[in-house]
PDB file of all heavy atoms in Angstrom:
ATOM      1  N   LEU A   1       7.399 -19.194  23.273  1.00  0.00           N
ATOM      2  CA  LEU A   1       7.865 -19.584  21.910  1.00  0.00           C
ATOM      3  C   LEU A   1       7.793 -21.104  21.797  1.00  0.00           C
ATOM      4  O   LEU A   1       8.348 -21.790  22.641  1.00  0.00           O
ATOM      5  CB  LEU A   1       9.239 -19.039  21.618  1.00  0.00           C
ATOM      6  CG  LEU A   1       9.979 -19.450  20.402  1.00  0.00           C
ATOM      7  CD1 LEU A   1       9.229 -18.983  19.207  1.00  0.00           C
ATOM      8  CD2 LEU A   1      11.363 -18.958  20.423  1.00  0.00           C
ATOM      9  N   VAL A   2       7.263 -21.587  20.726  1.00  0.00           N
ATOM     10  CA  VAL A   2       7.245 -23.062  20.457  1.00  0.00           C
ATOM     11  C   VAL A   2       7.396 -23.309  19.040  1.00  0.00           C
ATOM     12  O   VAL A   2       7.053 -22.496  18.150  1.00  0.00           O
ATOM     13  CB  VAL A   2       5.897 -23.629  20.993  1.00  0.00           C
ATOM     14  CG1 VAL A   2       4.716 -23.123  20.199  1.00  0.00           C
ATOM     15  CG2 VAL A   2       5.883 -25.132  21.002  1.00  0.00           C
ATOM     16  N   GLN A   3       7.946 -24.454  18.686  1.00  0.00           N
ATOM     17  CA  GLN A   3       8.127 -24.826  17.271  1.00  0.00           C
ATOM     18  C   GLN A   3       6.781 -25.318  16.706  1.00  0.00           C
ATOM     19  O   GLN A   3       5.940 -25.856  17.476  1.00  0.00           O
ATOM     20  CB  GLN A   3       9.188 -25.934  17.164  1.00  0.00           C
ATOM     21  CG  GLN A   3      10.646 -25.456  17.495  1.00  0.00           C
ATOM     22  CD  GLN A   3      11.662 -26.500  17.234  1.00  0.00           C
ATOM     23  OE1 GLN A   3      11.381 -27.680  17.056  1.00  0.00           O
ATOM     24  NE2 GLN A   3      12.920 -26.024  17.159  1.00  0.00           N
ATOM     25  N   PRO A   4       6.631 -25.228  15.412  1.00  0.00           N
ATOM     26  CA  PRO A   4       5.460 -25.805  14.736  1.00  0.00           C
ATOM     27  C   PRO A   4       5.278 -27.235  15.154  1.00  0.00           C
ATOM     28  O   PRO A   4       6.238 -28.031  15.176  1.00  0.00           O
ATOM     29  CB  PRO A   4       5.719 -25.625  13.268  1.00  0.00           C
ATOM     30  CG  PRO A   4       6.656 -24.469  13.166  1.00  0.00           C
ATOM     31  CD  PRO A   4       7.563 -24.578  14.413  1.00  0.00           C
ATOM     32  N   GLY A   5       3.977 -27.618  15.412  1.00  0.00           N
ATOM     33  CA  GLY A   5       3.688 -28.953  15.929  1.00  0.00           C
ATOM     34  C   GLY A   5       3.782 -29.127  17.362  1.00  0.00           C
ATOM     35  O   GLY A   5       3.375 -30.174  17.917  1.00  0.00           O
ATOM     36  N   GLY A   6       4.336 -28.121  18.081  1.00  0.00           N
ATOM     37  CA  GLY A   6       4.461 -28.211  19.511  1.00  0.00           C
ATOM     38  C   GLY A   6       3.129 -27.898  20.261  1.00  0.00           C
ATOM     39  O   GLY A   6       2.085 -27.662  19.636  1.00  0.00           O
ATOM     40  N   SER A   7       3.215 -27.886  21.589  1.00  0.00           N
ATOM     41  CA  SER A   7       2.032 -27.613  22.422  1.00  0.00           C
ATOM     42  C   SER A   7       2.359 -26.556  23.494  1.00  0.00           C
ATOM     43  O   SER A   7       3.524 -26.405  23.869  1.00  0.00           O
ATOM     44  CB  SER A   7       1.599 -28.921  23.042  1.00  0.00           C
ATOM     45  OG  SER A   7       1.232 -29.920  22.194  1.00  0.00           O
ATOM     46  N   LEU A   8       1.379 -25.867  23.817  1.00  0.00           N
ATOM     47  CA  LEU A   8       1.442 -24.905  24.940  1.00  0.00           C
ATOM     48  C   LEU A   8       0.131 -24.927  25.747  1.00  0.00           C
ATOM     49  O   LEU A   8      -0.928 -25.333  25.278  1.00  0.00           O
ATOM     50  CB  LEU A   8       1.672 -23.488  24.394  1.00  0.00           C
ATOM     51  CG  LEU A   8       3.008 -23.043  23.955  1.00  0.00           C
ATOM     52  CD1 LEU A   8       2.926 -21.674  23.331  1.00  0.00           C
ATOM     53  CD2 LEU A   8       4.065 -23.087  25.024  1.00  0.00           C
ATOM     54  N   ASN A   9       0.269 -24.527  27.034  1.00  0.00           N
ATOM     55  CA  ASN A   9      -0.919 -24.394  27.863  1.00  0.00           C
ATOM     56  C   ASN A   9      -1.080 -22.987  28.339  1.00  0.00           C
ATOM     57  O   ASN A   9      -0.072 -22.345  28.749  1.00  0.00           O
ATOM     58  CB  ASN A   9      -0.761 -25.314  29.127  1.00  0.00           C
ATOM     59  CG  ASN A   9      -0.925 -26.688  28.822  1.00  0.00           C
ATOM     60  OD1 ASN A   9      -1.881 -27.150  28.220  1.00  0.00           O
ATOM     61  ND2 ASN A   9       0.058 -27.488  29.296  1.00  0.00           N
ATOM     62  N   LEU A  10      -2.246 -22.443  28.197  1.00  0.00           N
ATOM     63  CA  LEU A  10      -2.565 -21.137  28.796  1.00  0.00           C
ATOM     64  C   LEU A  10      -3.517 -21.295  29.942  1.00  0.00           C
ATOM     65  O   LEU A  10      -4.365 -22.305  29.946  1.00  0.00           O
ATOM     66  CB  LEU A  10      -3.231 -20.258  27.706  1.00  0.00           C
ATOM     67  CG  LEU A  10      -2.493 -19.995  26.421  1.00  0.00           C
ATOM     68  CD1 LEU A  10      -3.316 -19.032  25.540  1.00  0.00           C
ATOM     69  CD2 LEU A  10      -1.107 -19.416  26.697  1.00  0.00           C
ATOM     70  N   SER A  11      -3.374 -20.471  30.964  1.00  0.00           N
ATOM     71  CA  SER A  11      -4.302 -20.560  32.038  1.00  0.00           C
ATOM     72  C   SER A  11      -4.874 -19.142  32.365  1.00  0.00           C
ATOM     73  O   SER A  11      -4.159 -18.125  32.121  1.00  0.00           O
ATOM     74  CB  SER A  11      -3.684 -21.113  33.293  1.00  0.00           C
ATOM     75  OG  SER A  11      -2.609 -20.335  33.740  1.00  0.00           O
ATOM     76  N   CYS A  12      -6.010 -19.078  32.889  1.00  0.00           N
ATOM     77  CA  CYS A  12      -6.706 -17.872  33.224  1.00  0.00           C
ATOM     78  C   CYS A  12      -7.341 -17.996  34.528  1.00  0.00           C
ATOM     79  O   CYS A  12      -8.280 -18.839  34.695  1.00  0.00           O
ATOM     80  CB  CYS A  12      -7.710 -17.480  32.131  1.00  0.00           C
ATOM     81  SG  CYS A  12      -8.652 -15.993  32.508  1.00  0.00           S
ATOM     82  N   ALA A  13      -6.960 -17.268  35.523  1.00  0.00           N
ATOM     83  CA  ALA A  13      -7.538 -17.364  36.871  1.00  0.00           C
ATOM     84  C   ALA A  13      -8.290 -16.133  37.191  1.00  0.00           C
ATOM     85  O   ALA A  13      -7.711 -15.068  37.419  1.00  0.00           O
ATOM     86  CB  ALA A  13      -6.434 -17.620  37.937  1.00  0.00           C
ATOM     87  N   PRO A  14      -9.622 -16.209  37.314  1.00  0.00           N
ATOM     88  CA  PRO A  14     -10.448 -15.069  37.599  1.00  0.00           C
ATOM     89  C   PRO A  14     -10.414 -14.742  39.072  1.00  0.00           C
ATOM     90  O   PRO A  14     -10.255 -15.680  39.950  1.00  0.00           O
ATOM     91  CB  PRO A  14     -11.823 -15.377  37.120  1.00  0.00           C
ATOM     92  CG  PRO A  14     -11.845 -16.924  37.243  1.00  0.00           C
ATOM     93  CD  PRO A  14     -10.473 -17.394  37.013  1.00  0.00           C
ATOM     94  N   SER A  15     -10.637 -13.454  39.491  1.00  0.00           N
ATOM     95  CA  SER A  15     -10.700 -13.122  40.926  1.00  0.00           C
ATOM     96  C   SER A  15     -12.083 -13.407  41.526  1.00  0.00           C
ATOM     97  O   SER A  15     -12.307 -13.139  42.670  1.00  0.00           O
ATOM     98  CB  SER A  15     -10.306 -11.633  41.072  1.00  0.00           C
ATOM     99  OG  SER A  15     -11.248 -10.836  40.388  1.00  0.00           O
ATOM    100  N   THR A  16     -12.986 -13.859  40.709  1.00  0.00           N
ATOM    101  CA  THR A  16     -14.319 -14.241  41.222  1.00  0.00           C
ATOM    102  C   THR A  16     -14.563 -15.680  40.899  1.00  0.00           C
ATOM    103  O   THR A  16     -13.826 -16.272  40.077  1.00  0.00           O
ATOM    104  CB  THR A  16     -15.402 -13.364  40.496  1.00  0.00           C
ATOM    105  OG1 THR A  16     -16.705 -13.624  41.148  1.00  0.00           O
ATOM    106  CG2 THR A  16     -15.495 -13.722  39.027  1.00  0.00           C
ATOM    107  N   SER A  17     -15.551 -16.298  41.567  1.00  0.00           N
ATOM    108  CA  SER A  17     -15.844 -17.728  41.307  1.00  0.00           C
ATOM    109  C   SER A  17     -16.118 -17.951  39.834  1.00  0.00           C
ATOM    110  O   SER A  17     -16.906 -17.181  39.186  1.00  0.00           O
ATOM    111  CB  SER A  17     -17.042 -18.119  42.107  1.00  0.00           C
ATOM    112  OG  SER A  17     -17.489 -19.410  41.701  1.00  0.00           O
ATOM    113  N   ILE A  18     -15.507 -18.987  39.344  1.00  0.00           N
ATOM    114  CA  ILE A  18     -15.687 -19.274  37.921  1.00  0.00           C
ATOM    115  C   ILE A  18     -17.151 -19.587  37.540  1.00  0.00           C
ATOM    116  O   ILE A  18     -17.603 -19.436  36.405  1.00  0.00           O
ATOM    117  CB  ILE A  18     -14.736 -20.397  37.474  1.00  0.00           C
ATOM    118  CG1 ILE A  18     -14.437 -20.298  36.017  1.00  0.00           C
ATOM    119  CG2 ILE A  18     -15.252 -21.738  37.919  1.00  0.00           C
ATOM    120  CD1 ILE A  18     -13.172 -21.096  35.603  1.00  0.00           C
ATOM    121  N   PHE A  19     -17.977 -19.999  38.611  1.00  0.00           N
ATOM    122  CA  PHE A  19     -19.397 -20.281  38.366  1.00  0.00           C
ATOM    123  C   PHE A  19     -20.177 -19.030  38.253  1.00  0.00           C
ATOM    124  O   PHE A  19     -21.309 -19.056  37.774  1.00  0.00           O
ATOM    125  CB  PHE A  19     -19.908 -21.163  39.577  1.00  0.00           C
ATOM    126  CG  PHE A  19     -19.610 -22.574  39.384  1.00  0.00           C
ATOM    127  CD1 PHE A  19     -18.846 -23.218  40.409  1.00  0.00           C
ATOM    128  CD2 PHE A  19     -19.983 -23.308  38.328  1.00  0.00           C
ATOM    129  CE1 PHE A  19     -18.519 -24.563  40.342  1.00  0.00           C
ATOM    130  CE2 PHE A  19     -19.607 -24.693  38.210  1.00  0.00           C
ATOM    131  CZ  PHE A  19     -18.885 -25.267  39.243  1.00  0.00           C
ATOM    132  N   SER A  20     -19.660 -17.829  38.612  1.00  0.00           N
ATOM    133  CA  SER A  20     -20.360 -16.622  38.460  1.00  0.00           C
ATOM    134  C   SER A  20     -20.171 -15.975  37.030  1.00  0.00           C
ATOM    135  O   SER A  20     -20.808 -15.013  36.700  1.00  0.00           O
ATOM    136  CB  SER A  20     -19.969 -15.651  39.507  1.00  0.00           C
ATOM    137  OG  SER A  20     -18.627 -15.111  39.228  1.00  0.00           O
ATOM    138  N   ILE A  21     -19.322 -16.671  36.237  1.00  0.00           N
ATOM    139  CA  ILE A  21     -19.010 -16.173  34.926  1.00  0.00           C
ATOM    140  C   ILE A  21     -19.911 -16.791  33.880  1.00  0.00           C
ATOM    141  O   ILE A  21     -19.901 -18.080  33.726  1.00  0.00           O
ATOM    142  CB  ILE A  21     -17.515 -16.451  34.669  1.00  0.00           C
ATOM    143  CG1 ILE A  21     -16.626 -15.731  35.626  1.00  0.00           C
ATOM    144  CG2 ILE A  21     -17.160 -16.015  33.152  1.00  0.00           C
ATOM    145  CD1 ILE A  21     -15.179 -16.070  35.490  1.00  0.00           C
ATOM    146  N   ASN A  22     -20.645 -15.988  33.183  1.00  0.00           N
ATOM    147  CA  ASN A  22     -21.508 -16.516  32.144  1.00  0.00           C
ATOM    148  C   ASN A  22     -20.778 -17.250  31.031  1.00  0.00           C
ATOM    149  O   ASN A  22     -21.151 -18.263  30.486  1.00  0.00           O
ATOM    150  CB  ASN A  22     -22.356 -15.391  31.551  1.00  0.00           C
ATOM    151  CG  ASN A  22     -23.257 -14.686  32.534  1.00  0.00           C
ATOM    152  OD1 ASN A  22     -23.746 -15.370  33.457  1.00  0.00           O
ATOM    153  ND2 ASN A  22     -23.429 -13.428  32.406  1.00  0.00           N
ATOM    154  N   PHE A  23     -19.715 -16.614  30.625  1.00  0.00           N
ATOM    155  CA  PHE A  23     -18.892 -17.180  29.509  1.00  0.00           C
ATOM    156  C   PHE A  23     -17.455 -16.711  29.677  1.00  0.00           C
ATOM    157  O   PHE A  23     -17.215 -15.539  29.883  1.00  0.00           O
ATOM    158  CB  PHE A  23     -19.424 -16.622  28.208  1.00  0.00           C
ATOM    159  CG  PHE A  23     -18.803 -17.158  26.894  1.00  0.00           C
ATOM    160  CD1 PHE A  23     -18.925 -18.523  26.680  1.00  0.00           C
ATOM    161  CD2 PHE A  23     -18.125 -16.347  26.082  1.00  0.00           C
ATOM    162  CE1 PHE A  23     -18.358 -19.085  25.509  1.00  0.00           C
ATOM    163  CE2 PHE A  23     -17.563 -16.912  24.889  1.00  0.00           C
ATOM    164  CZ  PHE A  23     -17.633 -18.271  24.667  1.00  0.00           C
ATOM    165  N   ILE A  24     -16.539 -17.615  29.714  1.00  0.00           N
ATOM    166  CA  ILE A  24     -15.134 -17.367  29.838  1.00  0.00           C
ATOM    167  C   ILE A  24     -14.444 -17.978  28.642  1.00  0.00           C
ATOM    168  O   ILE A  24     -14.709 -19.078  28.229  1.00  0.00           O
ATOM    169  CB  ILE A  24     -14.525 -17.902  31.190  1.00  0.00           C
ATOM    170  CG1 ILE A  24     -13.084 -17.521  31.342  1.00  0.00           C
ATOM    171  CG2 ILE A  24     -14.706 -19.424  31.267  1.00  0.00           C
ATOM    172  CD1 ILE A  24     -12.572 -17.663  32.754  1.00  0.00           C
ATOM    173  N   CYS A  25     -13.514 -17.189  28.054  1.00  0.00           N
ATOM    174  CA  CYS A  25     -12.991 -17.575  26.779  1.00  0.00           C
ATOM    175  C   CYS A  25     -11.617 -16.960  26.497  1.00  0.00           C
ATOM    176  O   CYS A  25     -11.094 -16.137  27.322  1.00  0.00           O
ATOM    177  CB  CYS A  25     -13.942 -17.196  25.660  1.00  0.00           C
ATOM    178  SG  CYS A  25     -14.225 -15.452  25.570  1.00  0.00           S
ATOM    179  N   TRP A  26     -11.003 -17.375  25.423  1.00  0.00           N
ATOM    180  CA  TRP A  26      -9.771 -16.859  24.977  1.00  0.00           C
ATOM    181  C   TRP A  26      -9.977 -16.226  23.544  1.00  0.00           C
ATOM    182  O   TRP A  26     -10.560 -16.874  22.691  1.00  0.00           O
ATOM    183  CB  TRP A  26      -8.695 -17.942  24.816  1.00  0.00           C
ATOM    184  CG  TRP A  26      -8.204 -18.456  26.130  1.00  0.00           C
ATOM    185  CD1 TRP A  26      -8.681 -19.480  26.898  1.00  0.00           C
ATOM    186  CD2 TRP A  26      -7.125 -17.840  26.932  1.00  0.00           C
ATOM    187  NE1 TRP A  26      -7.953 -19.625  28.062  1.00  0.00           N
ATOM    188  CE2 TRP A  26      -7.036 -18.567  28.069  1.00  0.00           C
ATOM    189  CE3 TRP A  26      -6.224 -16.742  26.715  1.00  0.00           C
ATOM    190  CZ2 TRP A  26      -6.025 -18.310  29.076  1.00  0.00           C
ATOM    191  CZ3 TRP A  26      -5.346 -16.510  27.709  1.00  0.00           C
ATOM    192  CH2 TRP A  26      -5.206 -17.308  28.862  1.00  0.00           C
ATOM    193  N   TYR A  27      -9.511 -15.041  23.443  1.00  0.00           N
ATOM    194  CA  TYR A  27      -9.418 -14.345  22.139  1.00  0.00           C
ATOM    195  C   TYR A  27      -7.952 -14.307  21.747  1.00  0.00           C
ATOM    196  O   TYR A  27      -7.067 -14.476  22.621  1.00  0.00           O
ATOM    197  CB  TYR A  27      -9.936 -12.927  22.144  1.00  0.00           C
ATOM    198  CG  TYR A  27     -11.476 -12.838  22.101  1.00  0.00           C
ATOM    199  CD1 TYR A  27     -12.239 -12.997  23.245  1.00  0.00           C
ATOM    200  CD2 TYR A  27     -12.116 -12.354  20.983  1.00  0.00           C
ATOM    201  CE1 TYR A  27     -13.611 -12.912  23.220  1.00  0.00           C
ATOM    202  CE2 TYR A  27     -13.489 -12.207  20.933  1.00  0.00           C
ATOM    203  CZ  TYR A  27     -14.227 -12.435  22.054  1.00  0.00           C
ATOM    204  OH  TYR A  27     -15.559 -12.285  22.011  1.00  0.00           O
ATOM    205  N   ARG A  28      -7.735 -14.037  20.481  1.00  0.00           N
ATOM    206  CA  ARG A  28      -6.348 -13.796  20.042  1.00  0.00           C
ATOM    207  C   ARG A  28      -6.369 -12.705  19.030  1.00  0.00           C
ATOM    208  O   ARG A  28      -7.329 -12.497  18.292  1.00  0.00           O
ATOM    209  CB  ARG A  28      -5.658 -15.070  19.503  1.00  0.00           C
ATOM    210  CG  ARG A  28      -6.201 -15.546  18.175  1.00  0.00           C
ATOM    211  CD  ARG A  28      -5.542 -16.845  17.783  1.00  0.00           C
ATOM    212  NE  ARG A  28      -6.070 -17.404  16.527  1.00  0.00           N
ATOM    213  CZ  ARG A  28      -5.781 -18.548  16.074  1.00  0.00           C
ATOM    214  NH1 ARG A  28      -5.012 -19.369  16.709  1.00  0.00           N
ATOM    215  NH2 ARG A  28      -6.253 -18.986  14.878  1.00  0.00           N
ATOM    216  N   GLN A  29      -5.221 -12.031  18.891  1.00  0.00           N
ATOM    217  CA  GLN A  29      -5.044 -10.978  17.974  1.00  0.00           C
ATOM    218  C   GLN A  29      -3.643 -10.979  17.384  1.00  0.00           C
ATOM    219  O   GLN A  29      -2.701 -10.810  18.132  1.00  0.00           O
ATOM    220  CB  GLN A  29      -5.348  -9.539  18.586  1.00  0.00           C
ATOM    221  CG  GLN A  29      -5.394  -8.465  17.503  1.00  0.00           C
ATOM    222  CD  GLN A  29      -5.955  -7.214  18.048  1.00  0.00           C
ATOM    223  OE1 GLN A  29      -6.092  -6.962  19.260  1.00  0.00           O
ATOM    224  NE2 GLN A  29      -6.511  -6.330  17.184  1.00  0.00           N
ATOM    225  N   ALA A  30      -3.614 -11.184  16.131  1.00  0.00           N
ATOM    226  CA  ALA A  30      -2.339 -11.223  15.365  1.00  0.00           C
ATOM    227  C   ALA A  30      -2.038  -9.799  14.827  1.00  0.00           C
ATOM    228  O   ALA A  30      -2.991  -9.040  14.612  1.00  0.00           O
ATOM    229  CB  ALA A  30      -2.290 -12.257  14.244  1.00  0.00           C
ATOM    230  N   PRO A  31      -0.843  -9.434  14.545  1.00  0.00           N
ATOM    231  CA  PRO A  31      -0.538  -8.119  14.018  1.00  0.00           C
ATOM    232  C   PRO A  31      -1.317  -7.838  12.732  1.00  0.00           C
ATOM    233  O   PRO A  31      -1.300  -8.673  11.815  1.00  0.00           O
ATOM    234  CB  PRO A  31       1.003  -8.136  13.746  1.00  0.00           C
ATOM    235  CG  PRO A  31       1.521  -9.176  14.720  1.00  0.00           C
ATOM    236  CD  PRO A  31       0.407 -10.177  14.847  1.00  0.00           C
ATOM    237  N   GLY A  32      -1.936  -6.717  12.737  1.00  0.00           N
ATOM    238  CA  GLY A  32      -2.706  -6.340  11.522  1.00  0.00           C
ATOM    239  C   GLY A  32      -4.014  -7.027  11.349  1.00  0.00           C
ATOM    240  O   GLY A  32      -4.712  -6.857  10.325  1.00  0.00           O
ATOM    241  N   LYS A  33      -4.425  -7.905  12.287  1.00  0.00           N
ATOM    242  CA  LYS A  33      -5.684  -8.605  12.195  1.00  0.00           C
ATOM    243  C   LYS A  33      -6.638  -8.302  13.283  1.00  0.00           C
ATOM    244  O   LYS A  33      -6.240  -7.713  14.322  1.00  0.00           O
ATOM    245  CB  LYS A  33      -5.407 -10.161  12.112  1.00  0.00           C
ATOM    246  CG  LYS A  33      -4.625 -10.571  10.940  1.00  0.00           C
ATOM    247  CD  LYS A  33      -4.521 -12.068  10.877  1.00  0.00           C
ATOM    248  CE  LYS A  33      -3.880 -12.558   9.668  1.00  0.00           C
ATOM    249  NZ  LYS A  33      -3.780 -14.039   9.543  1.00  0.00           N
ATOM    250  N   LYS A  34      -7.898  -8.580  13.037  1.00  0.00           N
ATOM    251  CA  LYS A  34      -8.951  -8.337  14.104  1.00  0.00           C
ATOM    252  C   LYS A  34      -8.801  -9.371  15.222  1.00  0.00           C
ATOM    253  O   LYS A  34      -8.342 -10.539  14.965  1.00  0.00           O
ATOM    254  CB  LYS A  34     -10.329  -8.425  13.480  1.00  0.00           C
ATOM    255  CG  LYS A  34     -10.600  -7.282  12.514  1.00  0.00           C
ATOM    256  CD  LYS A  34     -12.075  -7.422  12.044  1.00  0.00           C
ATOM    257  CE  LYS A  34     -12.361  -6.266  11.090  1.00  0.00           C
ATOM    258  NZ  LYS A  34     -13.784  -6.355  10.564  1.00  0.00           N
ATOM    259  N   ARG A  35      -9.240  -8.992  16.380  1.00  0.00           N
ATOM    260  CA  ARG A  35      -9.278  -9.946  17.479  1.00  0.00           C
ATOM    261  C   ARG A  35     -10.359 -10.966  17.216  1.00  0.00           C
ATOM    262  O   ARG A  35     -11.484 -10.633  16.806  1.00  0.00           O
ATOM    263  CB  ARG A  35      -9.544  -9.240  18.809  1.00  0.00           C
ATOM    264  CG  ARG A  35      -9.355  -9.967  20.051  1.00  0.00           C
ATOM    265  CD  ARG A  35      -9.431  -9.138  21.293  1.00  0.00           C
ATOM    266  NE  ARG A  35      -8.366  -8.189  21.373  1.00  0.00           N
ATOM    267  CZ  ARG A  35      -8.086  -7.461  22.490  1.00  0.00           C
ATOM    268  NH1 ARG A  35      -8.825  -7.601  23.550  1.00  0.00           N
ATOM    269  NH2 ARG A  35      -7.097  -6.640  22.465  1.00  0.00           N
ATOM    270  N   GLU A  36     -10.060 -12.255  17.415  1.00  0.00           N
ATOM    271  CA  GLU A  36     -11.020 -13.332  17.203  1.00  0.00           C
ATOM    272  C   GLU A  36     -11.149 -14.267  18.400  1.00  0.00           C
ATOM    273  O   GLU A  36     -10.233 -14.476  19.096  1.00  0.00           O
ATOM    274  CB  GLU A  36     -10.582 -14.102  15.940  1.00  0.00           C
ATOM    275  CG  GLU A  36      -9.282 -14.791  16.078  1.00  0.00           C
ATOM    276  CD  GLU A  36      -8.877 -15.568  14.674  1.00  0.00           C
ATOM    277  OE1 GLU A  36      -9.636 -15.548  13.775  1.00  0.00           O
ATOM    278  OE2 GLU A  36      -7.753 -16.119  14.680  1.00  0.00           O
TER     279      GLU A  36
END
């Protein structure tokens, strides 16, 4: 939880070498909306 204007960090650690990953990314999905 953060206030408007604030900052957050997300991290994602794969179980395989990150160099073996063609594309690594973040999606999000809000209630009632499509994942983007």
